[in-house]
Amino acid sequence: MIYVVFSGANKSTAASANASSEKQVVAAVQTKPVAMPAPVATPAISGVSASWIPEYPGTVPEVISSVQTPEGEQNVSRFKSDDGPPKVVSYFQDQLKREGFNIRAASSGQDSGSLQAEDGSRNRSLVLSVNVVPEGKGISARVVTVEKQ
């Protein structure tokens, strides 16, 4: 039970409100527990949703989010590899160029790398981020793709 006290009364005043000559308003409100729905985990989906997205050899990408909007579809996926950032960025750069994509930016070093590319009609774009795994061997990569309708 919750007590709501108006007119600045405290608990002791509220308890003696009936005995007091002061007129105070005390309302008792019954509350019932509300069952909250359990959070729904969206499972990662293996594989890539569009054929134009290169898959890095020896990996199985996981789609971690996919959003369909009136403008198009956006997917975020990730994969891991034992190769370093320069090799991964170079692979994506070569594959995307072969498919007619324009490379807008590309960089890589021993600890990280990135790539931004889009096709000639600007309907499909890809952003790759590669980082060395802090504890262990290899990299963790994230690929964000957008395909406009």
Protein backbone atom coordinates (compact mmCIF):
# COMPACT_ATOMS: atom_id res chain seq x y z
CA MET A 1 0.00 0.00 0.00
CA ILE A 2 1.28 3.48 -0.86
CA TYR A 3 0.25 6.56 1.14
CA VAL A 4 0.01 9.83 -0.71
CA VAL A 5 0.04 12.79 1.63
CA PHE A 6 -0.91 16.31 0.55
CA SER A 7 -0.45 19.66 2.37
CA GLY A 8 3.13 18.90 3.40
CA ALA A 9 2.23 16.35 6.06
CA ASN A 10 4.78 13.78 7.15
CA LYS A 11 4.14 10.16 8.20
CA SER A 12 3.37 10.98 11.81
CA THR A 13 0.99 13.74 10.76
CA ALA A 14 -0.67 11.38 8.27
CA ALA A 15 -1.13 8.74 10.95
CA SER A 16 -2.77 11.21 13.29
CA ALA A 17 -4.72 13.08 10.62
CA ASN A 18 -8.06 11.78 11.85
CA ALA A 19 -7.27 12.78 15.45
CA SER A 20 -6.00 16.22 14.51
CA SER A 21 -8.08 19.33 14.12
CA GLU A 22 -6.13 20.11 10.93
CA LYS A 23 -7.81 19.05 7.74
CA GLN A 24 -5.38 17.04 5.65
CA VAL A 25 -5.97 14.77 2.76
CA VAL A 26 -4.55 11.27 2.96
CA ALA A 27 -5.23 8.83 0.17
CA ALA A 28 -4.44 5.15 0.26
CA VAL A 29 -3.68 3.65 -3.12
CA GLN A 30 -3.60 -0.07 -3.67
CA THR A 31 -1.01 -1.14 -6.23
CA LYS A 32 -0.66 -4.44 -7.98
CA PRO A 33 2.64 -5.74 -9.25
CA VAL A 34 2.93 -5.37 -12.99
CA ALA A 35 4.57 -8.19 -14.87
CA MET A 36 7.16 -6.79 -17.24
CA PRO A 37 7.80 -8.78 -20.40
CA ALA A 38 11.16 -10.51 -20.51
CA PRO A 39 13.66 -8.87 -22.85
CA VAL A 40 13.80 -10.58 -26.19
CA ALA A 41 17.29 -11.30 -27.41
CA THR A 42 17.72 -11.08 -31.14
CA PRO A 43 19.96 -13.96 -32.15
CA ALA A 44 22.85 -13.31 -34.48
CA ILE A 45 22.19 -14.64 -37.95
CA SER A 46 24.99 -16.38 -39.77
CA GLY A 47 25.74 -15.40 -43.30
CA VAL A 48 25.45 -12.23 -45.28
CA SER A 49 22.09 -10.98 -46.53
CA ALA A 50 23.20 -9.55 -49.89
CA SER A 51 25.29 -11.22 -52.57
CA TRP A 52 27.32 -8.08 -53.30
CA ILE A 53 28.94 -8.04 -49.84
CA PRO A 54 32.34 -9.78 -49.90
CA GLU A 55 32.92 -12.53 -47.33
CA TYR A 56 36.41 -12.71 -45.94
CA PRO A 57 37.95 -16.15 -46.67
CA GLY A 58 37.77 -18.64 -43.82
CA THR A 59 35.18 -16.68 -41.85
CA VAL A 60 31.44 -16.92 -41.29
CA PRO A 61 30.01 -13.46 -40.76
CA GLU A 62 27.22 -12.93 -38.24
CA VAL A 63 24.53 -10.39 -39.05
CA ILE A 64 24.02 -8.61 -35.73
CA SER A 65 21.35 -6.19 -36.94
CA SER A 66 19.25 -5.68 -40.02
CA VAL A 67 16.89 -2.76 -40.54
CA GLN A 68 14.47 -2.25 -43.43
CA THR A 69 13.40 1.36 -43.95
CA PRO A 70 11.45 3.04 -46.77
CA GLU A 71 14.81 4.23 -48.14
CA GLY A 72 16.47 0.82 -48.11
CA GLU A 73 18.13 -1.84 -45.98
CA GLN A 74 20.98 -1.50 -43.50
CA ASN A 75 22.91 -4.50 -42.16
CA VAL A 76 25.60 -4.70 -39.54
CA SER A 77 27.69 -7.86 -39.41
CA ARG A 78 30.89 -8.98 -37.77
CA PHE A 79 33.53 -11.63 -38.21
CA LYS A 80 36.84 -12.68 -36.70
CA SER A 81 40.05 -13.74 -38.40
CA ASP A 82 43.63 -14.56 -37.51
CA ASP A 83 44.85 -12.18 -40.25
CA GLY A 84 45.98 -8.64 -39.51
CA PRO A 85 44.14 -5.42 -40.42
CA PRO A 86 46.26 -4.62 -43.52
CA LYS A 87 45.45 -7.99 -45.13
CA VAL A 88 41.70 -7.74 -44.34
CA VAL A 89 41.38 -4.14 -45.61
CA SER A 90 43.34 -4.99 -48.77
CA TYR A 91 41.08 -7.97 -49.48
CA PHE A 92 37.89 -5.90 -49.19
CA GLN A 93 39.39 -3.10 -51.24
CA ASP A 94 40.32 -5.48 -54.08
CA GLN A 95 36.94 -7.28 -54.04
CA LEU A 96 34.92 -4.06 -54.01
CA LYS A 97 37.00 -2.46 -56.80
CA ARG A 98 36.48 -5.61 -58.88
CA GLU A 99 32.69 -5.14 -58.41
CA GLY A 100 32.86 -1.52 -59.59
CA PHE A 101 32.82 0.20 -56.20
CA ASN A 102 34.61 3.49 -55.60
CA ILE A 103 36.89 3.44 -52.58
CA ARG A 104 36.23 6.67 -50.67
CA ALA A 105 38.73 6.06 -47.87
CA ALA A 106 41.01 3.24 -46.81
CA SER A 107 43.62 3.00 -44.11
CA SER A 108 45.28 0.24 -42.13
CA GLY A 109 48.03 -0.27 -39.65
CA GLN A 110 49.10 -3.05 -37.34
CA ASP A 111 46.36 -2.32 -34.77
CA SER A 112 43.39 -1.22 -36.87
CA GLY A 113 42.06 -0.49 -40.32
CA SER A 114 39.02 0.93 -42.08
CA LEU A 115 37.47 1.21 -45.50
CA GLN A 116 34.58 3.20 -46.97
CA ALA A 117 33.21 2.36 -50.41
CA GLU A 118 30.13 2.93 -52.55
CA ASP A 119 28.98 1.81 -55.97
CA GLY A 120 28.87 4.18 -58.95
CA SER A 121 25.14 4.86 -58.63
CA ARG A 122 25.49 5.49 -54.87
CA ASN A 123 22.83 2.88 -54.11
CA ARG A 124 25.09 0.54 -52.16
CA SER A 125 27.72 1.45 -49.60
CA LEU A 126 29.96 -0.41 -47.20
CA VAL A 127 31.98 0.67 -44.16
CA LEU A 128 34.53 -1.77 -42.73
CA SER A 129 36.22 -1.36 -39.33
CA VAL A 130 38.96 -3.78 -38.29
CA ASN A 131 40.58 -3.92 -34.86
CA VAL A 132 43.15 -6.24 -33.32
CA VAL A 133 41.66 -8.32 -30.53
CA PRO A 134 43.19 -6.95 -27.29
CA GLU A 135 43.72 -10.36 -25.72
CA GLY A 136 44.64 -12.93 -28.24
CA LYS A 137 45.57 -13.35 -31.82
CA GLY A 138 43.77 -11.91 -34.81
CA ILE A 139 41.17 -9.28 -35.47
CA SER A 140 37.53 -8.47 -34.97
CA ALA A 141 35.84 -6.78 -37.93
CA ARG A 142 32.55 -4.94 -38.30
CA VAL A 143 30.88 -4.39 -41.66
CA VAL A 144 28.02 -1.89 -42.10
CA THR A 145 26.22 -2.01 -45.43
CA VAL A 146 23.44 0.14 -46.86
CA GLU A 147 21.45 -0.74 -49.94
CA LYS A 148 18.97 1.90 -51.10
CA GLN A 149 15.67 0.94 -52.76
